[in-house]
Amino acid sequence: MFVQEMTPDQCFALLAQEHVARLACTHAGKAYVVPIQYVLAGHRIYSFSMLGQKILWMRQNPEVCVQADRVEDAHHWKSVVANGHYHEVPDIKGHHDGHMRAWSLLQSRTNWWEPGGYQPRPHAADGKPVFFFIEVHEVTGRMAAESGE
């Protein structure tokens, strides 16, 4: 097996092809990692969630990390880490176009509301989803293949 660094273009290509990733955020010295459905547009990773721990934590510390991968087998895989900044896209005056863009991008994916639309218990009184994007500032990645591929 041969492991090599991926270029930024290769990293963004993988992020564009995949639609499930892990989102990591931190608060008060604790880390929290959860799966998200997403779509990449430019250098922005769009997603949504119901109000809960990750949204509350990202509001307090907007520096986050997203990890996506594709694993064919133990010797053929790619993994990308994208570091960036969390931004909410509320459905309010002045942000409606951005909110509709996020919704439009996400709805192009099958079952785009999973897992963000499910909650084991209600957190928000109104039950409205929170649309957001991660502005990617840095990507790194590695891939493995049989030597010579």
Protein backbone atom coordinates (compact mmCIF):
# COMPACT_ATOMS: atom_id res chain seq x y z
CA MET A 1 0.00 0.00 0.00
CA PHE A 2 1.21 3.48 -0.91
CA VAL A 3 -0.04 6.55 1.06
CA GLN A 4 0.30 10.02 -0.40
CA GLU A 5 -0.80 13.58 0.30
CA MET A 6 -3.75 14.91 -1.68
CA THR A 7 -3.67 18.30 -3.38
CA PRO A 8 -6.25 20.93 -2.40
CA ASP A 9 -8.05 20.31 -5.73
CA GLN A 10 -8.22 16.57 -4.98
CA CYS A 11 -9.53 17.35 -1.48
CA PHE A 12 -12.31 19.59 -2.79
CA ALA A 13 -13.16 17.01 -5.47
CA LEU A 14 -13.71 14.37 -2.78
CA LEU A 15 -15.78 16.79 -0.68
CA ALA A 16 -17.92 17.55 -3.75
CA GLN A 17 -18.52 13.86 -4.49
CA GLU A 18 -19.43 12.76 -0.96
CA HIS A 19 -22.47 13.86 1.04
CA VAL A 20 -21.93 12.46 4.54
CA ALA A 21 -19.12 13.71 6.77
CA ARG A 22 -18.22 14.10 10.41
CA LEU A 23 -18.41 17.58 11.94
CA ALA A 24 -16.20 18.35 14.93
CA CYS A 25 -16.69 21.28 17.27
CA THR A 26 -15.35 22.15 20.71
CA HIS A 27 -16.54 23.99 23.79
CA ALA A 28 -15.03 24.39 27.25
CA GLY A 29 -12.23 21.94 26.49
CA LYS A 30 -14.54 19.19 25.22
CA ALA A 31 -14.80 17.89 21.66
CA TYR A 32 -18.01 16.76 19.94
CA VAL A 33 -18.11 14.85 16.64
CA VAL A 34 -21.33 14.07 14.76
CA PRO A 35 -22.29 12.90 11.27
CA ILE A 36 -23.87 15.42 8.93
CA GLN A 37 -25.39 15.40 5.47
CA TYR A 38 -23.89 18.21 3.42
CA VAL A 39 -23.32 19.68 -0.01
CA LEU A 40 -20.24 21.56 -1.17
CA ALA A 41 -20.60 24.81 -3.14
CA GLY A 42 -17.30 26.52 -3.86
CA HIS A 43 -15.40 26.55 -0.58
CA ARG A 44 -18.55 26.33 1.54
CA ILE A 45 -19.95 23.18 3.12
CA TYR A 46 -23.72 23.64 3.56
CA SER A 47 -25.74 21.66 6.09
CA PHE A 48 -28.52 22.02 8.63
CA SER A 49 -29.54 20.75 12.02
CA MET A 50 -32.23 21.13 14.59
CA LEU A 51 -31.15 23.24 17.55
CA GLY A 52 -29.00 21.14 19.85
CA GLN A 53 -25.53 20.72 21.27
CA LYS A 54 -23.55 21.17 18.03
CA ILE A 55 -25.37 24.39 17.07
CA LEU A 56 -25.02 25.82 20.58
CA TRP A 57 -21.32 24.93 20.66
CA MET A 58 -20.62 26.30 17.16
CA ARG A 59 -22.33 29.55 18.09
CA GLN A 60 -19.87 29.89 20.97
CA ASN A 61 -16.80 28.65 19.08
CA PRO A 62 -17.28 28.90 15.30
CA GLU A 63 -13.91 27.28 14.43
CA VAL A 64 -14.83 23.77 13.30
CA CYS A 65 -13.52 20.81 11.36
CA VAL A 66 -15.22 18.52 8.83
CA GLN A 67 -13.85 15.10 7.87
CA ALA A 68 -15.04 13.12 4.85
CA ASP A 69 -13.73 9.93 3.33
CA ARG A 70 -14.22 7.24 0.75
CA VAL A 71 -13.09 3.72 1.63
CA GLU A 72 -13.11 1.03 -1.03
CA ASP A 73 -11.10 -1.43 1.08
CA ALA A 74 -8.18 -1.45 3.51
CA HIS A 75 -5.72 -0.59 0.72
CA HIS A 76 -7.78 1.92 -1.30
CA TRP A 77 -9.10 4.95 0.57
CA LYS A 78 -9.17 8.75 0.66
CA SER A 79 -9.66 10.97 3.68
CA VAL A 80 -10.02 14.77 3.79
CA VAL A 81 -10.06 17.20 6.71
CA ALA A 82 -11.47 20.68 6.12
CA ASN A 83 -10.94 23.38 8.74
CA GLY A 84 -13.23 26.37 8.65
CA HIS A 85 -15.59 28.84 10.24
CA TYR A 86 -19.28 28.25 11.08
CA HIS A 87 -21.89 30.70 9.74
CA GLU A 88 -25.65 30.47 10.30
CA VAL A 89 -28.03 31.30 7.46
CA PRO A 90 -31.26 32.35 9.20
CA ASP A 91 -34.58 32.77 7.41
CA ILE A 92 -34.95 36.43 8.36
CA LYS A 93 -34.99 39.73 6.49
CA GLY A 94 -31.59 40.34 4.97
CA HIS A 95 -30.66 36.64 4.95
CA HIS A 96 -33.61 35.06 3.13
CA ASP A 97 -31.75 34.63 -0.19
CA GLY A 98 -28.84 32.88 1.56
CA HIS A 99 -31.27 30.68 3.49
CA MET A 100 -33.07 29.69 0.28
CA ARG A 101 -29.73 28.97 -1.44
CA ALA A 102 -28.73 26.64 1.41
CA TRP A 103 -32.11 24.89 1.28
CA SER A 104 -31.97 24.58 -2.52
CA LEU A 105 -28.46 23.10 -2.49
CA LEU A 106 -29.31 20.60 0.24
CA GLN A 107 -32.62 19.49 -1.26
CA SER A 108 -30.76 18.31 -4.37
CA ARG A 109 -29.51 15.34 -2.29
CA THR A 110 -31.67 12.32 -1.51
CA ASN A 111 -32.67 12.17 2.19
CA TRP A 112 -30.86 15.46 2.81
CA TRP A 113 -32.64 15.98 6.13
CA GLU A 114 -31.02 12.92 7.70
CA PRO A 115 -29.47 12.84 10.28
CA GLY A 116 -29.95 16.55 11.05
CA GLY A 117 -33.75 16.34 11.13
CA TYR A 118 -34.00 13.74 13.85
CA GLN A 119 -33.72 14.52 17.52
CA PRO A 120 -34.13 12.17 20.45
CA ARG A 121 -35.87 15.00 22.32
CA PRO A 122 -36.99 18.49 21.32
CA HIS A 123 -34.53 21.32 21.99
CA ALA A 124 -36.13 24.19 20.13
CA ALA A 125 -39.54 25.50 21.09
CA ASP A 126 -40.41 26.26 17.46
CA GLY A 127 -38.75 23.14 16.00
CA LYS A 128 -37.30 25.09 13.06
CA PRO A 129 -34.12 23.81 11.43
CA VAL A 130 -30.91 25.83 11.57
CA PHE A 131 -29.24 26.13 8.15
CA PHE A 132 -25.52 26.85 8.16
CA PHE A 133 -22.34 26.69 6.15
CA ILE A 134 -18.72 26.13 6.99
CA GLU A 135 -16.41 28.54 5.14
CA VAL A 136 -13.43 26.29 4.43
CA HIS A 137 -10.05 27.93 5.07
CA GLU A 138 -7.80 24.89 4.84
CA VAL A 139 -8.03 21.36 3.43
CA THR A 140 -5.65 18.47 3.81
CA GLY A 141 -6.00 14.90 2.72
CA ARG A 142 -4.34 11.57 2.23
CA MET A 143 -5.08 8.65 -0.02
CA ALA A 144 -3.87 5.10 -0.23
CA ALA A 145 -3.62 2.73 -3.16
CA GLU A 146 -1.52 -0.19 -4.27
CA SER A 147 1.87 1.07 -5.41
CA GLY A 148 1.96 1.94 -9.08
CA GLU A 149 -1.72 2.99 -9.29
